[in-house]
Amino acid sequence: MTGAGSPRRRALWYAALGALCVAILGGLATDLSEWYRGLAKPAWNPPDWLFGPAWTLIYALTTLAGVEAWQAASPAQRRMVGALFAINGALNVLWSLLFFRLRRPDWALAEVALLWLSIVSLIVYCGLLRRRTVALLLPYLLWVSFAAALNAAIVELNRPFGGPGA
């Protein structure tokens, strides 16, 4: 069955809804305020306009990976797939909250290690279910690795954080 109510289409809708929620919450947490614009950034910092398209592509690929893994999984494995994606989504949003809303790039740098590990967990677990998911999730891992290096450079160039007026 390939109609609107097919299991594949339902999985795609649920995965897309989850990715959209993470994208919206992360976007709402991202504040490109004067504080952010005033931070010293390394010369290799990408232009602000690049982040939106990069995250859109990553969310699309991650959604497809979730659907692929879900379809290949048993009911018990589906619970694990859902849990891994939920944890990853929460960590993704938390990074934005720490960095932009709390203005704590240092805390965000510590948290990005957990986000990175959650992506590795997704790659390993989903890759066991369907190998193609590895290729779909790899850009996410690479982007977050780059973002972590950028986060570290921003911390180094701007420390300390959390003082008066933070």
N, C-alpha and C. Protein backbone atom coordinates (compact mmCIF):
# COMPACT_ATOMS: atom_id res chain seq x y z
N MET A 1 0.84 -1.19 0.00
CA MET A 1 0.00 0.00 0.00
C MET A 1 0.88 1.24 0.00
N THR A 2 0.60 2.15 -0.91
CA THR A 2 1.40 3.37 -1.01
C THR A 2 0.54 4.63 -0.86
N GLY A 3 -0.67 4.48 -0.37
CA GLY A 3 -1.57 5.63 -0.21
C GLY A 3 -1.15 6.52 0.94
N ALA A 4 -1.98 7.54 1.18
CA ALA A 4 -1.68 8.52 2.22
C ALA A 4 -1.58 7.90 3.60
N GLY A 5 -2.28 6.77 3.81
CA GLY A 5 -2.26 6.14 5.11
C GLY A 5 -1.26 5.01 5.23
N SER A 6 -0.39 4.86 4.23
CA SER A 6 0.57 3.77 4.28
C SER A 6 1.55 3.96 5.42
N PRO A 7 2.09 2.86 5.95
CA PRO A 7 3.07 2.98 7.05
C PRO A 7 4.26 3.88 6.68
N ARG A 8 4.73 3.78 5.45
CA ARG A 8 5.87 4.61 5.04
C ARG A 8 5.50 6.10 5.08
N ARG A 9 4.34 6.43 4.57
CA ARG A 9 3.93 7.85 4.57
C ARG A 9 3.69 8.35 6.00
N ARG A 10 3.09 7.52 6.83
CA ARG A 10 2.88 7.92 8.23
C ARG A 10 4.22 8.16 8.91
N ALA A 11 5.17 7.25 8.68
CA ALA A 11 6.51 7.41 9.27
C ALA A 11 7.15 8.71 8.78
N LEU A 12 6.99 9.00 7.50
CA LEU A 12 7.56 10.22 6.94
C LEU A 12 6.93 11.46 7.58
N TRP A 13 5.62 11.45 7.73
CA TRP A 13 4.94 12.59 8.35
C TRP A 13 5.38 12.78 9.80
N TYR A 14 5.47 11.69 10.56
CA TYR A 14 5.89 11.81 11.96
C TYR A 14 7.33 12.31 12.05
N ALA A 15 8.20 11.76 11.20
CA ALA A 15 9.60 12.19 11.22
C ALA A 15 9.72 13.65 10.80
N ALA A 16 8.97 14.04 9.77
CA ALA A 16 9.01 15.43 9.32
C ALA A 16 8.47 16.37 10.40
N LEU A 17 7.41 15.95 11.08
CA LEU A 17 6.85 16.77 12.16
C LEU A 17 7.87 16.93 13.29
N GLY A 18 8.56 15.84 13.65
CA GLY A 18 9.59 15.92 14.68
C GLY A 18 10.72 16.85 14.27
N ALA A 19 11.19 16.72 13.03
CA ALA A 19 12.27 17.60 12.55
C ALA A 19 11.81 19.05 12.52
N LEU A 20 10.57 19.27 12.11
CA LEU A 20 10.04 20.64 12.07
C LEU A 20 9.96 21.24 13.47
N CYS A 21 9.55 20.45 14.44
CA CYS A 21 9.50 20.94 15.83
C CYS A 21 10.89 21.32 16.32
N VAL A 22 11.87 20.47 16.05
CA VAL A 22 13.24 20.77 16.47
C VAL A 22 13.73 22.04 15.76
N ALA A 23 13.45 22.15 14.46
CA ALA A 23 13.89 23.32 13.70
C ALA A 23 13.23 24.59 14.23
N ILE A 24 11.94 24.53 14.51
CA ILE A 24 11.24 25.72 15.01
C ILE A 24 11.74 26.11 16.39
N LEU A 25 11.85 25.13 17.29
CA LEU A 25 12.33 25.43 18.64
C LEU A 25 13.77 25.96 18.61
N GLY A 26 14.61 25.33 17.79
CA GLY A 26 15.99 25.81 17.66
C GLY A 26 16.04 27.20 17.07
N GLY A 27 15.17 27.45 16.09
CA GLY A 27 15.11 28.79 15.49
C GLY A 27 14.64 29.84 16.47
N LEU A 28 13.64 29.50 17.28
CA LEU A 28 13.16 30.44 18.28
C LEU A 28 14.22 30.72 19.35
N ALA A 29 15.05 29.74 19.63
CA ALA A 29 16.11 29.91 20.63
C ALA A 29 17.30 30.70 20.08
N THR A 30 17.41 30.76 18.76
CA THR A 30 18.54 31.44 18.13
C THR A 30 18.24 32.92 18.01
N ASP A 31 19.08 33.71 18.64
CA ASP A 31 18.89 35.16 18.66
C ASP A 31 20.17 35.82 18.16
N LEU A 32 20.12 36.29 16.93
CA LEU A 32 21.29 36.96 16.35
C LEU A 32 21.28 38.43 16.75
N SER A 33 21.34 38.62 18.06
CA SER A 33 21.26 39.96 18.66
C SER A 33 22.60 40.68 18.57
N GLU A 34 22.60 41.87 19.14
CA GLU A 34 23.84 42.65 19.21
C GLU A 34 24.91 41.87 19.99
N TRP A 35 24.48 41.12 21.01
CA TRP A 35 25.44 40.33 21.77
C TRP A 35 26.16 39.36 20.85
N TYR A 36 25.40 38.62 20.04
CA TYR A 36 26.01 37.65 19.12
C TYR A 36 26.87 38.36 18.08
N ARG A 37 26.34 39.42 17.52
CA ARG A 37 27.09 40.14 16.48
C ARG A 37 28.38 40.75 17.05
N GLY A 38 28.39 41.05 18.34
CA GLY A 38 29.56 41.63 18.97
C GLY A 38 30.64 40.63 19.35
N LEU A 39 30.33 39.34 19.26
CA LEU A 39 31.34 38.33 19.59
C LEU A 39 32.45 38.32 18.55
N ALA A 40 33.67 38.15 19.02
CA ALA A 40 34.79 37.94 18.10
C ALA A 40 34.65 36.53 17.54
N LYS A 41 34.82 36.39 16.23
CA LYS A 41 34.68 35.09 15.57
C LYS A 41 35.92 34.84 14.72
N PRO A 42 36.26 33.59 14.50
CA PRO A 42 37.44 33.29 13.69
C PRO A 42 37.20 33.69 12.23
N ALA A 43 38.27 33.88 11.48
CA ALA A 43 38.17 34.27 10.07
C ALA A 43 37.40 33.24 9.25
N TRP A 44 37.39 32.00 9.67
CA TRP A 44 36.72 30.93 8.92
C TRP A 44 35.25 30.75 9.31
N ASN A 45 34.72 31.68 10.09
CA ASN A 45 33.29 31.65 10.44
C ASN A 45 32.46 31.85 9.16
N PRO A 46 31.52 30.93 8.88
CA PRO A 46 30.70 31.11 7.67
C PRO A 46 29.77 32.31 7.81
N PRO A 47 29.29 32.83 6.69
CA PRO A 47 28.32 33.93 6.78
C PRO A 47 27.02 33.44 7.41
N ASP A 48 26.32 34.32 8.10
CA ASP A 48 25.09 33.94 8.81
C ASP A 48 24.06 33.29 7.88
N TRP A 49 23.98 33.75 6.63
CA TRP A 49 22.96 33.23 5.71
C TRP A 49 23.16 31.74 5.40
N LEU A 50 24.35 31.21 5.60
CA LEU A 50 24.63 29.81 5.26
C LEU A 50 24.00 28.84 6.26
N PHE A 51 23.80 29.26 7.49
CA PHE A 51 23.31 28.35 8.53
C PHE A 51 21.91 27.84 8.24
N GLY A 52 21.01 28.68 7.76
CA GLY A 52 19.65 28.26 7.45
C GLY A 52 19.59 27.15 6.40
N PRO A 53 20.21 27.35 5.22
CA PRO A 53 20.20 26.27 4.23
C PRO A 53 20.91 25.00 4.70
N ALA A 54 22.00 25.17 5.44
CA ALA A 54 22.72 23.98 5.93
C ALA A 54 21.84 23.17 6.87
N TRP A 55 21.18 23.85 7.82
CA TRP A 55 20.31 23.13 8.75
C TRP A 55 19.09 22.55 8.04
N THR A 56 18.56 23.23 7.04
CA THR A 56 17.42 22.70 6.30
C THR A 56 17.79 21.38 5.63
N LEU A 57 18.95 21.35 4.98
CA LEU A 57 19.42 20.12 4.35
C LEU A 57 19.65 19.02 5.39
N ILE A 58 20.27 19.38 6.49
CA ILE A 58 20.53 18.39 7.55
C ILE A 58 19.23 17.83 8.11
N TYR A 59 18.25 18.68 8.37
CA TYR A 59 16.97 18.20 8.88
C TYR A 59 16.28 17.29 7.87
N ALA A 60 16.35 17.63 6.59
CA ALA A 60 15.74 16.79 5.56
C ALA A 60 16.41 15.41 5.51
N LEU A 61 17.73 15.39 5.52
CA LEU A 61 18.45 14.11 5.47
C LEU A 61 18.21 13.29 6.75
N THR A 62 18.17 13.97 7.88
CA THR A 62 17.92 13.29 9.15
C THR A 62 16.51 12.70 9.18
N THR A 63 15.55 13.42 8.63
CA THR A 63 14.18 12.91 8.54
C THR A 63 14.15 11.63 7.71
N LEU A 64 14.82 11.65 6.57
CA LEU A 64 14.87 10.45 5.72
C LEU A 64 15.55 9.30 6.44
N ALA A 65 16.61 9.59 7.17
CA ALA A 65 17.30 8.54 7.93
C ALA A 65 16.37 7.94 8.97
N GLY A 66 15.60 8.78 9.65
CA GLY A 66 14.66 8.29 10.65
C GLY A 66 13.61 7.37 10.04
N VAL A 67 13.10 7.76 8.88
CA VAL A 67 12.10 6.93 8.20
C VAL A 67 12.70 5.60 7.78
N GLU A 68 13.89 5.66 7.20
CA GLU A 68 14.57 4.42 6.76
C GLU A 68 14.79 3.48 7.94
N ALA A 69 15.28 4.00 9.04
CA ALA A 69 15.55 3.17 10.22
C ALA A 69 14.25 2.62 10.79
N TRP A 70 13.24 3.47 10.88
CA TRP A 70 11.94 3.07 11.42
C TRP A 70 11.35 1.90 10.63
N GLN A 71 11.43 1.99 9.33
CA GLN A 71 10.85 0.95 8.49
C GLN A 71 11.60 -0.37 8.60
N ALA A 72 12.87 -0.31 8.86
CA ALA A 72 13.66 -1.53 8.96
C ALA A 72 13.60 -2.14 10.36
N ALA A 73 13.03 -1.43 11.32
CA ALA A 73 13.08 -1.83 12.73
C ALA A 73 11.90 -2.68 13.14
N SER A 74 12.16 -3.51 14.14
CA SER A 74 11.09 -4.25 14.81
C SER A 74 10.39 -3.27 15.76
N PRO A 75 9.23 -3.65 16.34
CA PRO A 75 8.57 -2.74 17.29
C PRO A 75 9.48 -2.30 18.45
N ALA A 76 10.26 -3.21 19.01
CA ALA A 76 11.17 -2.84 20.11
C ALA A 76 12.26 -1.91 19.60
N GLN A 77 12.78 -2.18 18.42
CA GLN A 77 13.81 -1.32 17.85
C GLN A 77 13.25 0.05 17.50
N ARG A 78 11.98 0.11 17.13
CA ARG A 78 11.35 1.40 16.82
C ARG A 78 11.32 2.30 18.05
N ARG A 79 11.08 1.72 19.21
CA ARG A 79 11.11 2.51 20.44
C ARG A 79 12.49 3.11 20.65
N MET A 80 13.51 2.32 20.37
CA MET A 80 14.89 2.81 20.53
C MET A 80 15.19 3.90 19.50
N VAL A 81 14.77 3.70 18.26
CA VAL A 81 14.97 4.72 17.22
C VAL A 81 14.30 6.02 17.65
N GLY A 82 13.05 5.93 18.11
CA GLY A 82 12.33 7.12 18.56
C GLY A 82 13.02 7.80 19.72
N ALA A 83 13.50 7.01 20.67
CA ALA A 83 14.18 7.57 21.84
C ALA A 83 15.48 8.27 21.43
N LEU A 84 16.25 7.64 20.55
CA LEU A 84 17.51 8.25 20.11
C LEU A 84 17.28 9.56 19.37
N PHE A 85 16.26 9.60 18.51
CA PHE A 85 15.96 10.84 17.80
C PHE A 85 15.42 11.90 18.74
N ALA A 86 14.62 11.51 19.73
CA ALA A 86 14.08 12.47 20.70
C ALA A 86 15.21 13.08 21.53
N ILE A 87 16.11 12.26 22.00
CA ILE A 87 17.27 12.76 22.77
C ILE A 87 18.09 13.71 21.92
N ASN A 88 18.34 13.30 20.68
CA ASN A 88 19.12 14.14 19.78
C ASN A 88 18.44 15.49 19.54
N GLY A 89 17.13 15.46 19.31
CA GLY A 89 16.40 16.71 19.09
C GLY A 89 16.47 17.62 20.30
N ALA A 90 16.31 17.04 21.48
CA ALA A 90 16.39 17.85 22.70
C ALA A 90 17.77 18.46 22.87
N LEU A 91 18.81 17.70 22.60
CA LEU A 91 20.17 18.23 22.70
C LEU A 91 20.43 19.31 21.65
N ASN A 92 19.86 19.14 20.48
CA ASN A 92 20.01 20.12 19.41
C ASN A 92 19.42 21.47 19.86
N VAL A 93 18.22 21.44 20.40
CA VAL A 93 17.57 22.67 20.88
C VAL A 93 18.31 23.24 22.09
N LEU A 94 18.74 22.37 22.99
CA LEU A 94 19.45 22.83 24.19
C LEU A 94 20.70 23.61 23.83
N TRP A 95 21.42 23.18 22.79
CA TRP A 95 22.62 23.91 22.40
C TRP A 95 22.28 25.36 22.07
N SER A 96 21.23 25.56 21.28
CA SER A 96 20.83 26.92 20.91
C SER A 96 20.42 27.74 22.13
N LEU A 97 19.72 27.11 23.05
CA LEU A 97 19.32 27.81 24.28
C LEU A 97 20.54 28.24 25.08
N LEU A 98 21.49 27.34 25.24
CA LEU A 98 22.69 27.67 26.01
C LEU A 98 23.51 28.77 25.34
N PHE A 99 23.72 28.63 24.04
CA PHE A 99 24.58 29.58 23.33
C PHE A 99 23.90 30.93 23.19
N PHE A 100 22.70 30.97 22.65
CA PHE A 100 22.08 32.24 22.28
C PHE A 100 21.24 32.87 23.39
N ARG A 101 20.42 32.09 24.07
CA ARG A 101 19.52 32.67 25.08
C ARG A 101 20.21 32.92 26.41
N LEU A 102 20.99 31.92 26.85
CA LEU A 102 21.72 32.11 28.11
C LEU A 102 23.05 32.81 27.91
N ARG A 103 23.43 32.95 26.63
CA ARG A 103 24.69 33.62 26.28
C ARG A 103 25.89 32.96 26.95
N ARG A 104 25.87 31.63 26.87
CA ARG A 104 26.94 30.85 27.48
C ARG A 104 27.56 29.91 26.45
N PRO A 105 28.36 30.45 25.53
CA PRO A 105 29.04 29.58 24.58
C PRO A 105 29.92 28.53 25.25
N ASP A 106 30.42 28.85 26.45
CA ASP A 106 31.24 27.87 27.17
C ASP A 106 30.40 26.66 27.58
N TRP A 107 29.19 26.88 28.07
CA TRP A 107 28.31 25.77 28.41
C TRP A 107 27.87 25.03 27.15
N ALA A 108 27.60 25.79 26.09
CA ALA A 108 27.21 25.17 24.82
C ALA A 108 28.33 24.27 24.29
N LEU A 109 29.57 24.69 24.51
CA LEU A 109 30.70 23.87 24.07
C LEU A 109 30.74 22.54 24.80
N ALA A 110 30.46 22.55 26.09
CA ALA A 110 30.41 21.30 26.84
C ALA A 110 29.24 20.44 26.36
N GLU A 111 28.10 21.08 26.10
CA GLU A 111 26.91 20.35 25.68
C GLU A 111 27.05 19.78 24.28
N VAL A 112 27.80 20.45 23.40
CA VAL A 112 27.92 19.97 22.02
C VAL A 112 28.59 18.59 21.97
N ALA A 113 29.37 18.26 22.98
CA ALA A 113 29.95 16.91 23.03
C ALA A 113 28.84 15.87 23.18
N LEU A 114 27.83 16.17 23.98
CA LEU A 114 26.69 15.25 24.12
C LEU A 114 25.89 15.18 22.82
N LEU A 115 25.70 16.32 22.17
CA LEU A 115 25.00 16.33 20.88
C LEU A 115 25.75 15.48 19.87
N TRP A 116 27.06 15.65 19.81
CA TRP A 116 27.90 14.89 18.89
C TRP A 116 27.78 13.39 19.16
N LEU A 117 27.84 13.01 20.45
CA LEU A 117 27.70 11.59 20.80
C LEU A 117 26.32 11.06 20.45
N SER A 118 25.29 11.90 20.56
CA SER A 118 23.95 11.44 20.20
C SER A 118 23.86 11.18 18.69
N ILE A 119 24.57 11.96 17.89
CA ILE A 119 24.58 11.73 16.44
C ILE A 119 25.34 10.44 16.13
N VAL A 120 26.45 10.23 16.80
CA VAL A 120 27.18 8.97 16.61
C VAL A 120 26.30 7.78 16.99
N SER A 121 25.55 7.92 18.08
CA SER A 121 24.62 6.86 18.48
C SER A 121 23.58 6.59 17.41
N LEU A 122 23.05 7.66 16.82
CA LEU A 122 22.09 7.51 15.73
C LEU A 122 22.72 6.78 14.55
N ILE A 123 23.92 7.18 14.20
CA ILE A 123 24.60 6.57 13.06
C ILE A 123 24.83 5.08 13.31
N VAL A 124 25.31 4.74 14.48
CA VAL A 124 25.60 3.34 14.80
C VAL A 124 24.31 2.52 14.83
N TYR A 125 23.33 2.97 15.60
CA TYR A 125 22.11 2.17 15.77
C TYR A 125 21.31 2.09 14.47
N CYS A 126 21.08 3.22 13.85
CA CYS A 126 20.30 3.21 12.61
C CYS A 126 21.06 2.52 11.48
N GLY A 127 22.38 2.64 11.49
CA GLY A 127 23.19 1.97 10.48
C GLY A 127 23.10 0.46 10.58
N LEU A 128 22.89 -0.05 11.79
CA LEU A 128 22.69 -1.50 11.94
C LEU A 128 21.35 -1.95 11.36
N LEU A 129 20.39 -1.05 11.37
CA LEU A 129 19.06 -1.37 10.84
C LEU A 129 19.03 -1.22 9.32
N ARG A 130 19.64 -0.16 8.82
CA ARG A 130 19.69 0.07 7.37
C ARG A 130 20.94 0.91 7.09
N ARG A 131 21.84 0.34 6.33
CA ARG A 131 23.15 0.97 6.09
C ARG A 131 23.07 2.35 5.45
N ARG A 132 22.06 2.57 4.63
CA ARG A 132 21.92 3.86 3.94
C ARG A 132 21.78 5.03 4.92
N THR A 133 21.29 4.75 6.12
CA THR A 133 21.12 5.83 7.10
C THR A 133 22.46 6.46 7.50
N VAL A 134 23.52 5.69 7.41
CA VAL A 134 24.85 6.23 7.74
C VAL A 134 25.16 7.40 6.81
N ALA A 135 24.95 7.21 5.51
CA ALA A 135 25.22 8.28 4.54
C ALA A 135 24.29 9.47 4.76
N LEU A 136 23.06 9.21 5.18
CA LEU A 136 22.11 10.29 5.40
C LEU A 136 22.44 11.11 6.66
N LEU A 137 23.02 10.46 7.66
CA LEU A 137 23.34 11.14 8.92
C LEU A 137 24.75 11.72 8.97
N LEU A 138 25.61 11.28 8.09
CA LEU A 138 27.00 11.75 8.10
C LEU A 138 27.12 13.28 7.93
N PRO A 139 26.35 13.93 7.04
CA PRO A 139 26.46 15.40 6.96
C PRO A 139 26.12 16.09 8.29
N TYR A 140 25.19 15.55 9.04
CA TYR A 140 24.84 16.09 10.34
C TYR A 140 26.03 16.01 11.28
N LEU A 141 26.69 14.87 11.31
CA LEU A 141 27.87 14.70 12.17
C LEU A 141 28.98 15.67 11.75
N LEU A 142 29.20 15.79 10.46
CA LEU A 142 30.25 16.68 9.97
C LEU A 142 29.93 18.14 10.30
N TRP A 143 28.68 18.55 10.12
CA TRP A 143 28.29 19.94 10.41
C TRP A 143 28.43 20.24 11.90
N VAL A 144 27.99 19.31 12.74
CA VAL A 144 28.10 19.55 14.19
C VAL A 144 29.57 19.51 14.63
N SER A 145 30.38 18.71 13.98
CA SER A 145 31.82 18.73 14.27
C SER A 145 32.41 20.10 13.93
N PHE A 146 32.03 20.63 12.78
CA PHE A 146 32.48 21.97 12.38
C PHE A 146 31.95 23.01 13.37
N ALA A 147 30.67 22.89 13.72
CA ALA A 147 30.05 23.84 14.66
C ALA A 147 30.74 23.78 16.02
N ALA A 148 31.14 22.60 16.44
CA ALA A 148 31.84 22.46 17.72
C ALA A 148 33.19 23.18 17.67
N ALA A 149 33.90 23.04 16.55
CA ALA A 149 35.18 23.74 16.40
C ALA A 149 34.96 25.25 16.39
N LEU A 150 33.92 25.69 15.72
CA LEU A 150 33.58 27.11 15.70
C LEU A 150 33.21 27.60 17.10
N ASN A 151 32.41 26.82 17.81
CA ASN A 151 32.02 27.13 19.19
C ASN A 151 33.27 27.26 20.06
N ALA A 152 34.21 26.33 19.91
CA ALA A 152 35.45 26.37 20.70
C ALA A 152 36.25 27.63 20.39
N ALA A 153 36.32 28.01 19.12
CA ALA A 153 37.06 29.21 18.74
C ALA A 153 36.39 30.46 19.32
N ILE A 154 35.07 30.50 19.30
CA ILE A 154 34.35 31.64 19.87
C ILE A 154 34.59 31.74 21.38
N VAL A 155 34.59 30.60 22.05
CA VAL A 155 34.88 30.61 23.49
C VAL A 155 36.29 31.14 23.73
N GLU A 156 37.23 30.64 22.97
CA GLU A 156 38.62 31.06 23.15
C GLU A 156 38.82 32.56 22.90
N LEU A 157 38.13 33.08 21.89
CA LEU A 157 38.28 34.49 21.52
C LEU A 157 37.52 35.46 22.43
N ASN A 158 36.58 34.95 23.22
CA ASN A 158 35.68 35.84 23.95
C ASN A 158 35.58 35.58 25.45
N ARG A 159 36.31 34.64 25.98
CA ARG A 159 36.13 34.33 27.40
C ARG A 159 36.56 35.47 28.28
N PRO A 160 36.09 35.60 29.45
CA PRO A 160 35.18 34.70 30.17
C PRO A 160 33.72 35.08 29.90
N PHE A 161 32.83 34.12 30.15
CA PHE A 161 31.40 34.33 30.03
C PHE A 161 30.76 34.28 31.40
N GLY A 162 29.57 34.82 31.50
CA GLY A 162 28.83 34.72 32.75
C GLY A 162 29.08 35.83 33.75
N GLY A 163 29.86 36.83 33.36
CA GLY A 163 30.12 37.93 34.28
C GLY A 163 29.00 38.95 34.25
N PRO A 164 29.21 40.09 34.85
CA PRO A 164 28.19 41.16 34.87
C PRO A 164 27.82 41.57 33.45
N GLY A 165 26.53 41.76 33.24
CA GLY A 165 26.03 42.18 31.95
C GLY A 165 25.91 41.08 30.94
N ALA A 166 26.12 39.83 31.37
CA ALA A 166 26.05 38.70 30.43
C ALA A 166 24.64 38.44 29.99
